[in-house]
């Protein structure tokens, strides 16, 4: 698997282009398989980047006394 050296936005843009090409259904089978595999790599890259960013997010919470505390961001899965 090739290491993707793109920003999240660049990878997402390329992934969107791949989806458009595949949706048109005009590519030969071998080329479709090749760009589908690239799309999977880009999807994993984007997912990994989102997970990394999510871990960095913190939520500032102000209590009833006006004091601000910092807590880790937790998502429901």
PDB file of N, CA and C in Angstrom:
ATOM      1  N   UNK A   1       0.835  -1.174   0.000  1.00  0.00           N
ATOM      2  CA  UNK A   1       0.000   0.000   0.000  1.00  0.00           C
ATOM      3  C   UNK A   1       0.881   1.239   0.000  1.00  0.00           C
ATOM      4  N   UNK A   2       0.597   2.131  -0.898  1.00  0.00           N
ATOM      5  CA  UNK A   2       1.377   3.348  -1.076  1.00  0.00           C
ATOM      6  C   UNK A   2       1.052   4.365   0.022  1.00  0.00           C
ATOM      7  N   UNK A   3       2.080   5.011   0.564  1.00  0.00           N
ATOM      8  CA  UNK A   3       1.852   6.056   1.559  1.00  0.00           C
ATOM      9  C   UNK A   3       1.320   7.294   0.843  1.00  0.00           C
ATOM     10  N   UNK A   4       0.218   7.806   1.351  1.00  0.00           N
ATOM     11  CA  UNK A   4      -0.402   8.979   0.747  1.00  0.00           C
ATOM     12  C   UNK A   4       0.135  10.211   1.453  1.00  0.00           C
ATOM     13  N   UNK A   5       0.724  11.094   0.671  1.00  0.00           N
ATOM     14  CA  UNK A   5       1.326  12.306   1.212  1.00  0.00           C
ATOM     15  C   UNK A   5       0.513  13.505   0.725  1.00  0.00           C
ATOM     16  N   UNK A   6      -0.739  13.565   1.165  1.00  0.00           N
ATOM     17  CA  UNK A   6      -1.637  14.641   0.758  1.00  0.00           C
ATOM     18  C   UNK A   6      -2.349  15.167   1.987  1.00  0.00           C
ATOM     19  N   UNK A   7      -2.790  16.395   1.884  1.00  0.00           N
ATOM     20  CA  UNK A   7      -3.625  16.927   2.960  1.00  0.00           C
ATOM     21  C   UNK A   7      -4.975  16.230   2.911  1.00  0.00           C
ATOM     22  N   UNK A   8      -5.733  16.367   3.960  1.00  0.00           N
ATOM     23  CA  UNK A   8      -7.069  15.775   3.991  1.00  0.00           C
ATOM     24  C   UNK A   8      -7.898  16.280   2.815  1.00  0.00           C
ATOM     25  N   UNK A   9      -7.850  17.578   2.578  1.00  0.00           N
ATOM     26  CA  UNK A   9      -8.647  18.185   1.515  1.00  0.00           C
ATOM     27  C   UNK A   9      -8.242  17.680   0.128  1.00  0.00           C
ATOM     28  N   UNK A  10      -6.936  17.529  -0.091  1.00  0.00           N
ATOM     29  CA  UNK A  10      -6.451  17.012  -1.375  1.00  0.00           C
ATOM     30  C   UNK A  10      -6.888  15.563  -1.588  1.00  0.00           C
ATOM     31  N   UNK A  11      -6.769  14.768  -0.544  1.00  0.00           N
ATOM     32  CA  UNK A  11      -7.161  13.357  -0.633  1.00  0.00           C
ATOM     33  C   UNK A  11      -8.659  13.229  -0.867  1.00  0.00           C
ATOM     34  N   UNK A  12      -9.441  14.041  -0.176  1.00  0.00           N
ATOM     35  CA  UNK A  12     -10.889  14.005  -0.349  1.00  0.00           C
ATOM     36  C   UNK A  12     -11.290  14.426  -1.755  1.00  0.00           C
ATOM     37  N   UNK A  13     -10.627  15.428  -2.287  1.00  0.00           N
ATOM     38  CA  UNK A  13     -10.903  15.881  -3.649  1.00  0.00           C
ATOM     39  C   UNK A  13     -10.600  14.780  -4.662  1.00  0.00           C
ATOM     40  N   UNK A  14      -9.463  14.112  -4.497  1.00  0.00           N
ATOM     41  CA  UNK A  14      -9.124  13.023  -5.409  1.00  0.00           C
ATOM     42  C   UNK A  14     -10.135  11.888  -5.281  1.00  0.00           C
ATOM     43  N   UNK A  15     -10.543  11.601  -4.062  1.00  0.00           N
ATOM     44  CA  UNK A  15     -11.528  10.545  -3.835  1.00  0.00           C
ATOM     45  C   UNK A  15     -12.855  10.885  -4.523  1.00  0.00           C
ATOM     46  N   UNK A  16     -13.264  12.139  -4.436  1.00  0.00           N
ATOM     47  CA  UNK A  16     -14.497  12.568  -5.109  1.00  0.00           C
ATOM     48  C   UNK A  16     -14.393  12.401  -6.623  1.00  0.00           C
ATOM     49  N   UNK A  17     -13.237  12.697  -7.181  1.00  0.00           N
ATOM     50  CA  UNK A  17     -13.032  12.526  -8.619  1.00  0.00           C
ATOM     51  C   UNK A  17     -13.120  11.050  -9.012  1.00  0.00           C
ATOM     52  N   UNK A  18     -12.561  10.191  -8.175  1.00  0.00           N
ATOM     53  CA  UNK A  18     -12.618   8.752  -8.440  1.00  0.00           C
ATOM     54  C   UNK A  18     -14.065   8.266  -8.423  1.00  0.00           C
ATOM     55  N   UNK A  19     -14.825   8.713  -7.429  1.00  0.00           N
ATOM     56  CA  UNK A  19     -16.229   8.313  -7.341  1.00  0.00           C
ATOM     57  C   UNK A  19     -16.985   8.740  -8.595  1.00  0.00           C
ATOM     58  N   UNK A  20     -16.750   9.959  -9.065  1.00  0.00           N
ATOM     59  CA  UNK A  20     -17.419  10.440 -10.270  1.00  0.00           C
ATOM     60  C   UNK A  20     -17.075   9.572 -11.482  1.00  0.00           C
ATOM     61  N   UNK A  21     -15.798   9.220 -11.623  1.00  0.00           N
ATOM     62  CA  UNK A  21     -15.377   8.374 -12.746  1.00  0.00           C
ATOM     63  C   UNK A  21     -16.044   7.011 -12.683  1.00  0.00           C
ATOM     64  N   UNK A  22     -16.073   6.433 -11.492  1.00  0.00           N
ATOM     65  CA  UNK A  22     -16.665   5.110 -11.348  1.00  0.00           C
ATOM     66  C   UNK A  22     -18.177   5.147 -11.571  1.00  0.00           C
ATOM     67  N   UNK A  23     -18.816   6.211 -11.126  1.00  0.00           N
ATOM     68  CA  UNK A  23     -20.264   6.322 -11.306  1.00  0.00           C
ATOM     69  C   UNK A  23     -20.663   6.440 -12.771  1.00  0.00           C
ATOM     70  N   UNK A  24     -19.804   7.030 -13.575  1.00  0.00           N
ATOM     71  CA  UNK A  24     -20.102   7.149 -15.016  1.00  0.00           C
ATOM     72  C   UNK A  24     -20.112   5.786 -15.690  1.00  0.00           C
ATOM     73  N   UNK A  25     -19.335   4.849 -15.173  1.00  0.00           N
ATOM     74  CA  UNK A  25     -19.317   3.490 -15.690  1.00  0.00           C
ATOM     75  C   UNK A  25     -18.715   3.350 -17.080  1.00  0.00           C
ATOM     76  N   UNK A  26     -17.855   4.270 -17.467  1.00  0.00           N
ATOM     77  CA  UNK A  26     -17.283   4.261 -18.817  1.00  0.00           C
ATOM     78  C   UNK A  26     -15.872   3.693 -18.886  1.00  0.00           C
ATOM     79  N   UNK A  27     -15.295   3.357 -17.737  1.00  0.00           N
ATOM     80  CA  UNK A  27     -13.914   2.875 -17.712  1.00  0.00           C
ATOM     81  C   UNK A  27     -13.858   1.375 -17.960  1.00  0.00           C
ATOM     82  N   UNK A  28     -12.767   0.921 -18.572  1.00  0.00           N
ATOM     83  CA  UNK A  28     -12.569  -0.526 -18.696  1.00  0.00           C
ATOM     84  C   UNK A  28     -12.455  -1.149 -17.304  1.00  0.00           C
ATOM     85  N   UNK A  29     -12.771  -2.425 -17.203  1.00  0.00           N
ATOM     86  CA  UNK A  29     -12.785  -3.115 -15.914  1.00  0.00           C
ATOM     87  C   UNK A  29     -11.458  -3.000 -15.171  1.00  0.00           C
ATOM     88  N   UNK A  30     -10.345  -3.245 -15.862  1.00  0.00           N
ATOM     89  CA  UNK A  30      -9.033  -3.188 -15.195  1.00  0.00           C
ATOM     90  C   UNK A  30      -8.753  -1.815 -14.611  1.00  0.00           C
ATOM     91  N   UNK A  31      -9.081  -0.767 -15.360  1.00  0.00           N
ATOM     92  CA  UNK A  31      -8.860   0.595 -14.861  1.00  0.00           C
ATOM     93  C   UNK A  31      -9.803   0.905 -13.706  1.00  0.00           C
ATOM     94  N   UNK A  32     -11.027   0.423 -13.783  1.00  0.00           N
ATOM     95  CA  UNK A  32     -11.991   0.622 -12.692  1.00  0.00           C
ATOM     96  C   UNK A  32     -11.482   0.002 -11.400  1.00  0.00           C
ATOM     97  N   UNK A  33     -10.949  -1.221 -11.510  1.00  0.00           N
ATOM     98  CA  UNK A  33     -10.409  -1.914 -10.323  1.00  0.00           C
ATOM     99  C   UNK A  33      -9.228  -1.140  -9.753  1.00  0.00           C
ATOM    100  N   UNK A  34      -8.368  -0.648 -10.632  1.00  0.00           N
ATOM    101  CA  UNK A  34      -7.180   0.100 -10.201  1.00  0.00           C
ATOM    102  C   UNK A  34      -7.565   1.385  -9.467  1.00  0.00           C
ATOM    103  N   UNK A  35      -8.482   2.150 -10.024  1.00  0.00           N
ATOM    104  CA  UNK A  35      -8.832   3.407  -9.344  1.00  0.00           C
ATOM    105  C   UNK A  35      -9.725   3.156  -8.131  1.00  0.00           C
ATOM    106  N   UNK A  36     -10.466   2.041  -8.133  1.00  0.00           N
ATOM    107  CA  UNK A  36     -11.233   1.672  -6.944  1.00  0.00           C
ATOM    108  C   UNK A  36     -10.274   1.409  -5.783  1.00  0.00           C
ATOM    109  N   UNK A  37      -9.191   0.684  -6.042  1.00  0.00           N
ATOM    110  CA  UNK A  37      -8.192   0.408  -5.010  1.00  0.00           C
ATOM    111  C   UNK A  37      -7.573   1.705  -4.496  1.00  0.00           C
ATOM    112  N   UNK A  38      -7.305   2.637  -5.410  1.00  0.00           N
ATOM    113  CA  UNK A  38      -6.777   3.947  -4.999  1.00  0.00           C
ATOM    114  C   UNK A  38      -7.802   4.666  -4.109  1.00  0.00           C
ATOM    115  N   UNK A  39      -9.061   4.553  -4.466  1.00  0.00           N
ATOM    116  CA  UNK A  39     -10.114   5.167  -3.664  1.00  0.00           C
ATOM    117  C   UNK A  39     -10.170   4.605  -2.257  1.00  0.00           C
ATOM    118  N   UNK A  40      -9.966   3.316  -2.127  1.00  0.00           N
ATOM    119  CA  UNK A  40      -9.941   2.681  -0.801  1.00  0.00           C
ATOM    120  C   UNK A  40      -8.777   3.241   0.018  1.00  0.00           C
ATOM    121  N   UNK A  41      -7.600   3.368  -0.604  1.00  0.00           N
ATOM    122  CA  UNK A  41      -6.437   3.929   0.098  1.00  0.00           C
ATOM    123  C   UNK A  41      -6.725   5.359   0.556  1.00  0.00           C
ATOM    124  N   UNK A  42      -7.318   6.157  -0.325  1.00  0.00           N
ATOM    125  CA  UNK A  42      -7.633   7.542   0.024  1.00  0.00           C
ATOM    126  C   UNK A  42      -8.671   7.611   1.137  1.00  0.00           C
ATOM    127  N   UNK A  43      -9.661   6.729   1.082  1.00  0.00           N
ATOM    128  CA  UNK A  43     -10.686   6.686   2.114  1.00  0.00           C
ATOM    129  C   UNK A  43     -10.074   6.368   3.481  1.00  0.00           C
ATOM    130  N   UNK A  44      -9.171   5.395   3.519  1.00  0.00           N
ATOM    131  CA  UNK A  44      -8.495   5.040   4.770  1.00  0.00           C
ATOM    132  C   UNK A  44      -7.650   6.196   5.281  1.00  0.00           C
ATOM    133  N   UNK A  45      -6.968   6.880   4.353  1.00  0.00           N
ATOM    134  CA  UNK A  45      -6.144   8.037   4.723  1.00  0.00           C
ATOM    135  C   UNK A  45      -7.017   9.128   5.357  1.00  0.00           C
ATOM    136  N   UNK A  46      -8.135   9.429   4.722  1.00  0.00           N
ATOM    137  CA  UNK A  46      -9.034  10.474   5.243  1.00  0.00           C
ATOM    138  C   UNK A  46      -9.590  10.074   6.602  1.00  0.00           C
ATOM    139  N   UNK A  47      -9.979   8.830   6.739  1.00  0.00           N
ATOM    140  CA  UNK A  47     -10.513   8.347   8.009  1.00  0.00           C
ATOM    141  C   UNK A  47      -9.469   8.445   9.122  1.00  0.00           C
ATOM    142  N   UNK A  48      -8.246   8.069   8.802  1.00  0.00           N
ATOM    143  CA  UNK A  48      -7.158   8.147   9.778  1.00  0.00           C
ATOM    144  C   UNK A  48      -6.901   9.594  10.200  1.00  0.00           C
ATOM    145  N   UNK A  49      -6.889  10.501   9.223  1.00  0.00           N
ATOM    146  CA  UNK A  49      -6.669  11.920   9.535  1.00  0.00           C
ATOM    147  C   UNK A  49      -7.791  12.467  10.419  1.00  0.00           C
ATOM    148  N   UNK A  50      -9.037  12.094  10.125  1.00  0.00           N
ATOM    149  CA  UNK A  50     -10.158  12.545  10.950  1.00  0.00           C
ATOM    150  C   UNK A  50     -10.037  12.018  12.375  1.00  0.00           C
ATOM    151  N   UNK A  51      -9.618  10.762  12.519  1.00  0.00           N
ATOM    152  CA  UNK A  51      -9.416  10.190  13.856  1.00  0.00           C
ATOM    153  C   UNK A  51      -8.334  10.939  14.613  1.00  0.00           C
ATOM    154  N   UNK A  52      -7.245  11.284  13.921  1.00  0.00           N
ATOM    155  CA  UNK A  52      -6.152  12.033  14.559  1.00  0.00           C
ATOM    156  C   UNK A  52      -6.635  13.395  15.034  1.00  0.00           C
ATOM    157  N   UNK A  53      -7.392  14.068  14.197  1.00  0.00           N
ATOM    158  CA  UNK A  53      -7.900  15.397  14.550  1.00  0.00           C
ATOM    159  C   UNK A  53      -8.893  15.306  15.701  1.00  0.00           C
ATOM    160  N   UNK A  54      -9.739  14.294  15.665  1.00  0.00           N
ATOM    161  CA  UNK A  54     -10.732  14.114  16.726  1.00  0.00           C
ATOM    162  C   UNK A  54     -10.065  13.967  18.084  1.00  0.00           C
ATOM    163  N   UNK A  55      -8.937  13.243  18.109  1.00  0.00           N
ATOM    164  CA  UNK A  55      -8.218  13.074  19.372  1.00  0.00           C
ATOM    165  C   UNK A  55      -7.644  14.390  19.892  1.00  0.00           C
ATOM    166  N   UNK A  56      -7.411  15.335  18.990  1.00  0.00           N
ATOM    167  CA  UNK A  56      -6.831  16.614  19.390  1.00  0.00           C
ATOM    168  C   UNK A  56      -7.883  17.626  19.860  1.00  0.00           C
ATOM    169  N   UNK A  57      -9.113  17.364  19.504  1.00  0.00           N
ATOM    170  CA  UNK A  57     -10.168  18.327  19.841  1.00  0.00           C
ATOM    171  C   UNK A  57     -10.449  18.271  21.334  1.00  0.00           C
ATOM    172  N   UNK A  58     -10.561  19.426  21.915  1.00  0.00           N
ATOM    173  CA  UNK A  58     -10.991  19.518  23.306  1.00  0.00           C
ATOM    174  C   UNK A  58     -12.180  20.459  23.378  1.00  0.00           C
ATOM    175  N   UNK A  59     -12.987  20.230  24.369  1.00  0.00           N
ATOM    176  CA  UNK A  59     -14.172  21.044  24.560  1.00  0.00           C
ATOM    177  C   UNK A  59     -13.979  21.858  25.835  1.00  0.00           C
ATOM    178  N   UNK A  60     -14.181  23.141  25.717  1.00  0.00           N
ATOM    179  CA  UNK A  60     -14.113  24.002  26.894  1.00  0.00           C
ATOM    180  C   UNK A  60     -15.518  24.121  27.465  1.00  0.00           C
ATOM    181  N   UNK A  61     -15.642  23.807  28.746  1.00  0.00           N
ATOM    182  CA  UNK A  61     -16.943  23.820  29.394  1.00  0.00           C
ATOM    183  C   UNK A  61     -16.911  24.832  30.532  1.00  0.00           C
ATOM    184  N   UNK A  62     -17.917  25.692  30.533  1.00  0.00           N
ATOM    185  CA  UNK A  62     -18.036  26.686  31.596  1.00  0.00           C
ATOM    186  C   UNK A  62     -19.077  26.189  32.590  1.00  0.00           C
ATOM    187  N   UNK A  63     -18.676  26.106  33.883  1.00  0.00           N
ATOM    188  CA  UNK A  63     -19.621  25.645  34.894  1.00  0.00           C
ATOM    189  C   UNK A  63     -20.461  26.808  35.415  1.00  0.00           C
ATOM    190  N   UNK A  64     -21.360  26.509  36.337  1.00  0.00           N
ATOM    191  CA  UNK A  64     -22.274  27.535  36.856  1.00  0.00           C
ATOM    192  C   UNK A  64     -21.564  28.664  37.595  1.00  0.00           C
ATOM    193  N   UNK A  65     -20.333  28.449  38.031  1.00  0.00           N
ATOM    194  CA  UNK A  65     -19.554  29.489  38.700  1.00  0.00           C
ATOM    195  C   UNK A  65     -18.782  30.350  37.705  1.00  0.00           C
ATOM    196  N   UNK A  66     -18.872  30.015  36.434  1.00  0.00           N
ATOM    197  CA  UNK A  66     -18.160  30.771  35.417  1.00  0.00           C
ATOM    198  C   UNK A  66     -16.741  30.286  35.181  1.00  0.00           C
ATOM    199  N   UNK A  67     -16.369  29.187  35.830  1.00  0.00           N
ATOM    200  CA  UNK A  67     -15.032  28.638  35.652  1.00  0.00           C
ATOM    201  C   UNK A  67     -15.016  27.748  34.413  1.00  0.00           C
ATOM    202  N   UNK A  68     -13.949  27.880  33.647  1.00  0.00           N
ATOM    203  CA  UNK A  68     -13.824  27.105  32.414  1.00  0.00           C
ATOM    204  C   UNK A  68     -12.885  25.930  32.649  1.00  0.00           C
ATOM    205  N   UNK A  69     -13.342  24.747  32.281  1.00  0.00           N
ATOM    206  CA  UNK A  69     -12.507  23.561  32.368  1.00  0.00           C
ATOM    207  C   UNK A  69     -12.353  22.975  30.969  1.00  0.00           C
ATOM    208  N   UNK A  70     -11.303  22.237  30.780  1.00  0.00           N
ATOM    209  CA  UNK A  70     -11.028  21.623  29.485  1.00  0.00           C
ATOM    210  C   UNK A  70     -11.225  20.114  29.602  1.00  0.00           C
ATOM    211  N   UNK A  71     -12.009  19.553  28.698  1.00  0.00           N
ATOM    212  CA  UNK A  71     -12.271  18.120  28.706  1.00  0.00           C
ATOM    213  C   UNK A  71     -12.006  17.551  27.329  1.00  0.00           C
ATOM    214  N   UNK A  72     -11.691  16.270  27.296  1.00  0.00           N
ATOM    215  CA  UNK A  72     -11.485  15.605  26.012  1.00  0.00           C
ATOM    216  C   UNK A  72     -12.807  15.508  25.276  1.00  0.00           C
ATOM    217  N   UNK A  73     -12.725  15.600  23.968  1.00  0.00           N
ATOM    218  CA  UNK A  73     -13.895  15.477  23.114  1.00  0.00           C
ATOM    219  C   UNK A  73     -14.235  14.003  22.973  1.00  0.00           C
ATOM    220  N   UNK A  74     -15.468  13.646  23.253  1.00  0.00           N
ATOM    221  CA  UNK A  74     -15.906  12.258  23.159  1.00  0.00           C
ATOM    222  C   UNK A  74     -17.088  12.193  22.216  1.00  0.00           C
ATOM    223  N   UNK A  75     -17.026  11.271  21.259  1.00  0.00           N
ATOM    224  CA  UNK A  75     -18.141  11.083  20.331  1.00  0.00           C
ATOM    225  C   UNK A  75     -18.876   9.816  20.681  1.00  0.00           C
ATOM    226  N   UNK A  76     -20.143   9.787  20.339  1.00  0.00           N
ATOM    227  CA  UNK A  76     -20.921   8.570  20.516  1.00  0.00           C
ATOM    228  C   UNK A  76     -20.763   7.735  19.271  1.00  0.00           C
ATOM    229  N   UNK A  77     -20.463   6.473  19.448  1.00  0.00           N
ATOM    230  CA  UNK A  77     -20.281   5.583  18.289  1.00  0.00           C
ATOM    231  C   UNK A  77     -21.312   4.507  18.297  1.00  0.00           C
TER     232      UNK A  77
END
